[in-house]
């Protein structure tokens, strides 16, 4: 699937966008993998493990082991809370923004200053569901002024495949949440 084929959702994720300094170059694929901070690797692996056991938990829910399932879900929630807290410590306020849209191929956010189209940036995305963080590089595709702010569009250039899957799952989670809210509003209005 071509990266441009992924859909985006309107949602506010906390991100860090650090434009590369003059003379700093986009790392090649192997240098990028070496550069990913260990905590981001751990978060990605934990999220992958969680996805793998969801099917098993579904089977457990169908059996008579409700108490065990409740216990395991509570433990999983505790681990996710702890992981979210630890990941939040990686958020640098100097480079913090909030997305207006995000997906598995690109994101947009508003900034008070323009970004130079064609330049690269180091990006960290902090996800709520699943509890994870993504470390990647992106290229500035657009920087247009709109109502005294600049709407910046970044396209991911260096992104691990597992992290792209995380972004797909996060976008689907947001989309499902929006659909549930709309269904609830229709029910409430009847």
C-alpha atoms as a PDB file:
ATOM      1  CA  UNK A   1       0.000   0.000   0.000  1.00  0.00           C
ATOM      2  CA  UNK A   2       1.305   3.424  -0.924  1.00  0.00           C
ATOM      3  CA  UNK A   3       1.788   5.714   2.084  1.00  0.00           C
ATOM      4  CA  UNK A   4      -0.542   8.304   0.576  1.00  0.00           C
ATOM      5  CA  UNK A   5      -3.414   5.819   0.656  1.00  0.00           C
ATOM      6  CA  UNK A   6      -3.810   5.866   4.468  1.00  0.00           C
ATOM      7  CA  UNK A   7      -6.663   7.943   5.833  1.00  0.00           C
ATOM      8  CA  UNK A   8      -6.244  10.653   8.433  1.00  0.00           C
ATOM      9  CA  UNK A   9      -8.493  11.490  11.350  1.00  0.00           C
ATOM     10  CA  UNK A  10      -9.122  14.794  13.066  1.00  0.00           C
ATOM     11  CA  UNK A  11      -7.661  14.338  16.517  1.00  0.00           C
ATOM     12  CA  UNK A  12      -5.327  16.120  18.880  1.00  0.00           C
ATOM     13  CA  UNK A  13      -2.225  14.083  19.669  1.00  0.00           C
ATOM     14  CA  UNK A  14       0.675  15.561  21.551  1.00  0.00           C
ATOM     15  CA  UNK A  15       3.710  15.645  19.280  1.00  0.00           C
ATOM     16  CA  UNK A  16       7.247  17.009  19.352  1.00  0.00           C
ATOM     17  CA  UNK A  17       8.528  18.446  16.078  1.00  0.00           C
ATOM     18  CA  UNK A  18      12.206  19.352  16.043  1.00  0.00           C
ATOM     19  CA  UNK A  19      13.357  20.789  12.710  1.00  0.00           C
ATOM     20  CA  UNK A  20      16.789  19.518  11.703  1.00  0.00           C
ATOM     21  CA  UNK A  21      19.496  22.108  12.249  1.00  0.00           C
ATOM     22  CA  UNK A  22      21.415  23.600   9.337  1.00  0.00           C
ATOM     23  CA  UNK A  23      23.945  21.028   8.188  1.00  0.00           C
ATOM     24  CA  UNK A  24      22.115  18.161   9.903  1.00  0.00           C
ATOM     25  CA  UNK A  25      21.041  15.484   7.435  1.00  0.00           C
ATOM     26  CA  UNK A  26      18.280  12.914   7.347  1.00  0.00           C
ATOM     27  CA  UNK A  27      19.814   9.631   8.572  1.00  0.00           C
ATOM     28  CA  UNK A  28      19.804   6.635   6.266  1.00  0.00           C
ATOM     29  CA  UNK A  29      17.559   3.691   7.185  1.00  0.00           C
ATOM     30  CA  UNK A  30      20.149   1.812   9.280  1.00  0.00           C
ATOM     31  CA  UNK A  31      21.326   4.938  11.137  1.00  0.00           C
ATOM     32  CA  UNK A  32      17.691   5.779  11.846  1.00  0.00           C
ATOM     33  CA  UNK A  33      17.081   2.377  13.452  1.00  0.00           C
ATOM     34  CA  UNK A  34      20.164   2.835  15.653  1.00  0.00           C
ATOM     35  CA  UNK A  35      19.001   6.297  16.694  1.00  0.00           C
ATOM     36  CA  UNK A  36      15.547   5.338  17.972  1.00  0.00           C
ATOM     37  CA  UNK A  37      15.523   5.886  21.748  1.00  0.00           C
ATOM     38  CA  UNK A  38      15.219   2.640  23.762  1.00  0.00           C
ATOM     39  CA  UNK A  39      12.001   3.757  25.469  1.00  0.00           C
ATOM     40  CA  UNK A  40      10.299   4.189  22.093  1.00  0.00           C
ATOM     41  CA  UNK A  41      11.402   0.669  21.112  1.00  0.00           C
ATOM     42  CA  UNK A  42      10.004  -0.765  24.347  1.00  0.00           C
ATOM     43  CA  UNK A  43       6.692   1.068  23.869  1.00  0.00           C
ATOM     44  CA  UNK A  44       6.382  -0.270  20.333  1.00  0.00           C
ATOM     45  CA  UNK A  45       7.147  -3.836  21.435  1.00  0.00           C
ATOM     46  CA  UNK A  46       4.681  -3.645  24.340  1.00  0.00           C
ATOM     47  CA  UNK A  47       1.960  -2.427  22.034  1.00  0.00           C
ATOM     48  CA  UNK A  48       2.725  -5.248  19.601  1.00  0.00           C
ATOM     49  CA  UNK A  49       2.503  -7.797  22.400  1.00  0.00           C
ATOM     50  CA  UNK A  50      -0.802  -6.355  23.542  1.00  0.00           C
ATOM     51  CA  UNK A  51      -2.251  -6.626  20.044  1.00  0.00           C
ATOM     52  CA  UNK A  52      -1.141 -10.261  19.889  1.00  0.00           C
ATOM     53  CA  UNK A  53      -2.962 -11.264  23.060  1.00  0.00           C
ATOM     54  CA  UNK A  54      -6.242  -9.478  22.270  1.00  0.00           C
ATOM     55  CA  UNK A  55      -7.413 -12.529  20.323  1.00  0.00           C
ATOM     56  CA  UNK A  56      -6.579 -14.835  23.246  1.00  0.00           C
ATOM     57  CA  UNK A  57      -8.364 -12.515  25.665  1.00  0.00           C
ATOM     58  CA  UNK A  58     -11.435 -12.658  23.412  1.00  0.00           C
ATOM     59  CA  UNK A  59     -11.467 -16.447  23.686  1.00  0.00           C
ATOM     60  CA  UNK A  60     -11.053 -16.194  27.448  1.00  0.00           C
ATOM     61  CA  UNK A  61     -14.053 -13.857  27.592  1.00  0.00           C
ATOM     62  CA  UNK A  62     -16.185 -16.527  25.917  1.00  0.00           C
ATOM     63  CA  UNK A  63     -15.311 -19.089  28.561  1.00  0.00           C
ATOM     64  CA  UNK A  64     -16.280 -19.171  32.237  1.00  0.00           C
ATOM     65  CA  UNK A  65     -13.105 -17.383  33.354  1.00  0.00           C
ATOM     66  CA  UNK A  66     -14.597 -13.916  33.892  1.00  0.00           C
ATOM     67  CA  UNK A  67     -12.677 -13.310  37.133  1.00  0.00           C
ATOM     68  CA  UNK A  68      -9.367 -14.177  35.500  1.00  0.00           C
ATOM     69  CA  UNK A  69     -10.169 -11.974  32.517  1.00  0.00           C
ATOM     70  CA  UNK A  70     -11.088  -9.041  34.774  1.00  0.00           C
ATOM     71  CA  UNK A  71      -7.831  -9.482  36.692  1.00  0.00           C
ATOM     72  CA  UNK A  72      -5.731  -9.614  33.512  1.00  0.00           C
ATOM     73  CA  UNK A  73      -7.462  -6.555  32.092  1.00  0.00           C
ATOM     74  CA  UNK A  74      -6.829  -4.639  35.332  1.00  0.00           C
ATOM     75  CA  UNK A  75      -3.130  -5.579  35.232  1.00  0.00           C
ATOM     76  CA  UNK A  76      -2.941  -4.534  31.579  1.00  0.00           C
ATOM     77  CA  UNK A  77      -4.542  -1.175  32.436  1.00  0.00           C
ATOM     78  CA  UNK A  78      -1.993  -0.592  35.195  1.00  0.00           C
ATOM     79  CA  UNK A  79       0.895  -1.350  32.845  1.00  0.00           C
ATOM     80  CA  UNK A  80      -0.554   0.961  30.185  1.00  0.00           C
ATOM     81  CA  UNK A  81      -0.947   3.787  32.721  1.00  0.00           C
ATOM     82  CA  UNK A  82       2.644   3.367  33.852  1.00  0.00           C
ATOM     83  CA  UNK A  83       3.899   3.218  30.268  1.00  0.00           C
ATOM     84  CA  UNK A  84       1.920   6.356  29.359  1.00  0.00           C
ATOM     85  CA  UNK A  85       3.426   8.216  32.310  1.00  0.00           C
ATOM     86  CA  UNK A  86       6.976   7.165  31.440  1.00  0.00           C
ATOM     87  CA  UNK A  87       6.471   8.107  27.788  1.00  0.00           C
ATOM     88  CA  UNK A  88       5.079  11.506  28.775  1.00  0.00           C
ATOM     89  CA  UNK A  89       8.486  12.253  30.311  1.00  0.00           C
ATOM     90  CA  UNK A  90       9.921  12.167  26.768  1.00  0.00           C
ATOM     91  CA  UNK A  91       7.714  15.102  25.750  1.00  0.00           C
ATOM     92  CA  UNK A  92       9.865  18.225  25.272  1.00  0.00           C
ATOM     93  CA  UNK A  93       7.814  21.413  25.821  1.00  0.00           C
ATOM     94  CA  UNK A  94      10.192  23.380  23.562  1.00  0.00           C
ATOM     95  CA  UNK A  95       9.048  21.325  20.549  1.00  0.00           C
ATOM     96  CA  UNK A  96       5.470  20.508  21.616  1.00  0.00           C
ATOM     97  CA  UNK A  97       2.525  20.853  19.291  1.00  0.00           C
ATOM     98  CA  UNK A  98      -0.902  19.234  19.000  1.00  0.00           C
ATOM     99  CA  UNK A  99      -2.042  17.578  15.804  1.00  0.00           C
ATOM    100  CA  UNK A 100      -5.174  18.687  14.011  1.00  0.00           C
ATOM    101  CA  UNK A 101      -5.101  15.508  11.908  1.00  0.00           C
ATOM    102  CA  UNK A 102      -2.941  12.409  11.878  1.00  0.00           C
ATOM    103  CA  UNK A 103      -2.694   9.125  10.058  1.00  0.00           C
ATOM    104  CA  UNK A 104      -0.158   6.486   9.085  1.00  0.00           C
ATOM    105  CA  UNK A 105       1.423   8.609   6.355  1.00  0.00           C
ATOM    106  CA  UNK A 106       1.181  12.221   7.473  1.00  0.00           C
ATOM    107  CA  UNK A 107       0.013  14.679  10.102  1.00  0.00           C
ATOM    108  CA  UNK A 108      -0.962  18.331  10.362  1.00  0.00           C
ATOM    109  CA  UNK A 109      -0.609  20.799  13.210  1.00  0.00           C
ATOM    110  CA  UNK A 110      -0.773  24.531  13.815  1.00  0.00           C
ATOM    111  CA  UNK A 111       2.326  26.609  14.626  1.00  0.00           C
ATOM    112  CA  UNK A 112       2.959  30.280  15.309  1.00  0.00           C
ATOM    113  CA  UNK A 113       5.909  30.320  12.872  1.00  0.00           C
ATOM    114  CA  UNK A 114       6.143  28.910   9.351  1.00  0.00           C
ATOM    115  CA  UNK A 115       8.195  25.788   8.577  1.00  0.00           C
ATOM    116  CA  UNK A 116      10.267  25.607   5.397  1.00  0.00           C
ATOM    117  CA  UNK A 117       8.734  23.272   2.815  1.00  0.00           C
ATOM    118  CA  UNK A 118      11.189  20.507   1.896  1.00  0.00           C
ATOM    119  CA  UNK A 119      13.022  20.591   5.235  1.00  0.00           C
ATOM    120  CA  UNK A 120      13.107  17.606   7.553  1.00  0.00           C
ATOM    121  CA  UNK A 121      12.140  17.276  11.197  1.00  0.00           C
ATOM    122  CA  UNK A 122      12.599  14.743  13.983  1.00  0.00           C
ATOM    123  CA  UNK A 123       9.114  13.842  15.236  1.00  0.00           C
ATOM    124  CA  UNK A 124       7.775  12.122  18.345  1.00  0.00           C
ATOM    125  CA  UNK A 125       4.100  11.202  18.520  1.00  0.00           C
ATOM    126  CA  UNK A 126       2.537  10.283  21.854  1.00  0.00           C
ATOM    127  CA  UNK A 127      -0.441   7.937  21.460  1.00  0.00           C
ATOM    128  CA  UNK A 128      -3.163   7.288  24.037  1.00  0.00           C
ATOM    129  CA  UNK A 129      -4.737   4.209  22.467  1.00  0.00           C
ATOM    130  CA  UNK A 130      -2.705   2.114  22.147  1.00  0.00           C
ATOM    131  CA  UNK A 131      -0.405   3.512  24.841  1.00  0.00           C
ATOM    132  CA  UNK A 132       2.736   4.057  22.822  1.00  0.00           C
ATOM    133  CA  UNK A 133       5.034   6.601  21.281  1.00  0.00           C
ATOM    134  CA  UNK A 134       6.441   6.825  17.779  1.00  0.00           C
ATOM    135  CA  UNK A 135       9.839   8.209  16.834  1.00  0.00           C
ATOM    136  CA  UNK A 136      10.306   9.126  13.183  1.00  0.00           C
ATOM    137  CA  UNK A 137      11.494  11.683  10.673  1.00  0.00           C
ATOM    138  CA  UNK A 138       9.187  13.673   8.425  1.00  0.00           C
ATOM    139  CA  UNK A 139       9.397  16.134   5.578  1.00  0.00           C
ATOM    140  CA  UNK A 140       7.564  19.460   5.610  1.00  0.00           C
ATOM    141  CA  UNK A 141       5.095  19.182   2.734  1.00  0.00           C
ATOM    142  CA  UNK A 142       3.097  22.351   3.337  1.00  0.00           C
ATOM    143  CA  UNK A 143       3.194  25.450   5.523  1.00  0.00           C
ATOM    144  CA  UNK A 144       0.343  27.840   4.884  1.00  0.00           C
ATOM    145  CA  UNK A 145      -0.919  30.779   6.875  1.00  0.00           C
ATOM    146  CA  UNK A 146      -4.497  30.515   8.062  1.00  0.00           C
ATOM    147  CA  UNK A 147      -6.097  32.886  10.584  1.00  0.00           C
ATOM    148  CA  UNK A 148      -2.764  34.149  11.979  1.00  0.00           C
ATOM    149  CA  UNK A 149      -1.372  30.641  12.484  1.00  0.00           C
ATOM    150  CA  UNK A 150       0.514  28.348  10.149  1.00  0.00           C
ATOM    151  CA  UNK A 151      -0.983  24.997   9.244  1.00  0.00           C
ATOM    152  CA  UNK A 152       1.957  22.623   8.838  1.00  0.00           C
ATOM    153  CA  UNK A 153       1.727  19.286   7.014  1.00  0.00           C
ATOM    154  CA  UNK A 154       4.419  16.668   7.578  1.00  0.00           C
ATOM    155  CA  UNK A 155       4.854  13.426   5.640  1.00  0.00           C
ATOM    156  CA  UNK A 156       6.717  10.594   7.363  1.00  0.00           C
ATOM    157  CA  UNK A 157      10.033   9.780   5.676  1.00  0.00           C
ATOM    158  CA  UNK A 158      11.689   7.437   8.214  1.00  0.00           C
ATOM    159  CA  UNK A 159       9.125   5.345  10.079  1.00  0.00           C
ATOM    160  CA  UNK A 160       9.331   1.747  11.263  1.00  0.00           C
ATOM    161  CA  UNK A 161       6.681  -0.566   9.827  1.00  0.00           C
ATOM    162  CA  UNK A 162       5.550  -1.554  13.350  1.00  0.00           C
ATOM    163  CA  UNK A 163       5.109   2.120  14.201  1.00  0.00           C
ATOM    164  CA  UNK A 164       3.104   2.660  11.041  1.00  0.00           C
ATOM    165  CA  UNK A 165       0.834  -0.176  12.219  1.00  0.00           C
ATOM    166  CA  UNK A 166       0.512   1.599  15.591  1.00  0.00           C
ATOM    167  CA  UNK A 167      -0.567   4.779  13.827  1.00  0.00           C
ATOM    168  CA  UNK A 168      -3.123   2.836  11.796  1.00  0.00           C
ATOM    169  CA  UNK A 169      -4.545   1.289  14.981  1.00  0.00           C
ATOM    170  CA  UNK A 170      -4.583   4.673  16.747  1.00  0.00           C
ATOM    171  CA  UNK A 171      -6.422   6.289  13.810  1.00  0.00           C
ATOM    172  CA  UNK A 172      -8.919   3.416  13.707  1.00  0.00           C
ATOM    173  CA  UNK A 173      -9.496   3.751  17.465  1.00  0.00           C
ATOM    174  CA  UNK A 174     -10.272   7.469  17.052  1.00  0.00           C
ATOM    175  CA  UNK A 175     -12.548   6.741  14.089  1.00  0.00           C
ATOM    176  CA  UNK A 176     -14.440   4.064  16.046  1.00  0.00           C
ATOM    177  CA  UNK A 177     -14.804   6.432  18.992  1.00  0.00           C
ATOM    178  CA  UNK A 178     -16.277   9.123  16.712  1.00  0.00           C
ATOM    179  CA  UNK A 179     -18.693   6.622  15.166  1.00  0.00           C
ATOM    180  CA  UNK A 180     -19.832   5.423  18.607  1.00  0.00           C
ATOM    181  CA  UNK A 181     -20.412   9.042  19.691  1.00  0.00           C
ATOM    182  CA  UNK A 182     -22.467   9.737  16.567  1.00  0.00           C
ATOM    183  CA  UNK A 183     -24.524   6.584  17.111  1.00  0.00           C
ATOM    184  CA  UNK A 184     -25.127   7.609  20.735  1.00  0.00           C
ATOM    185  CA  UNK A 185     -26.183  11.117  19.659  1.00  0.00           C
ATOM    186  CA  UNK A 186     -28.670   9.640  17.155  1.00  0.00           C
ATOM    187  CA  UNK A 187     -30.053   7.390  19.907  1.00  0.00           C
ATOM    188  CA  UNK A 188     -30.308  10.316  22.334  1.00  0.00           C
ATOM    189  CA  UNK A 189     -32.101  12.478  19.744  1.00  0.00           C
ATOM    190  CA  UNK A 190     -34.823   9.904  19.074  1.00  0.00           C
END
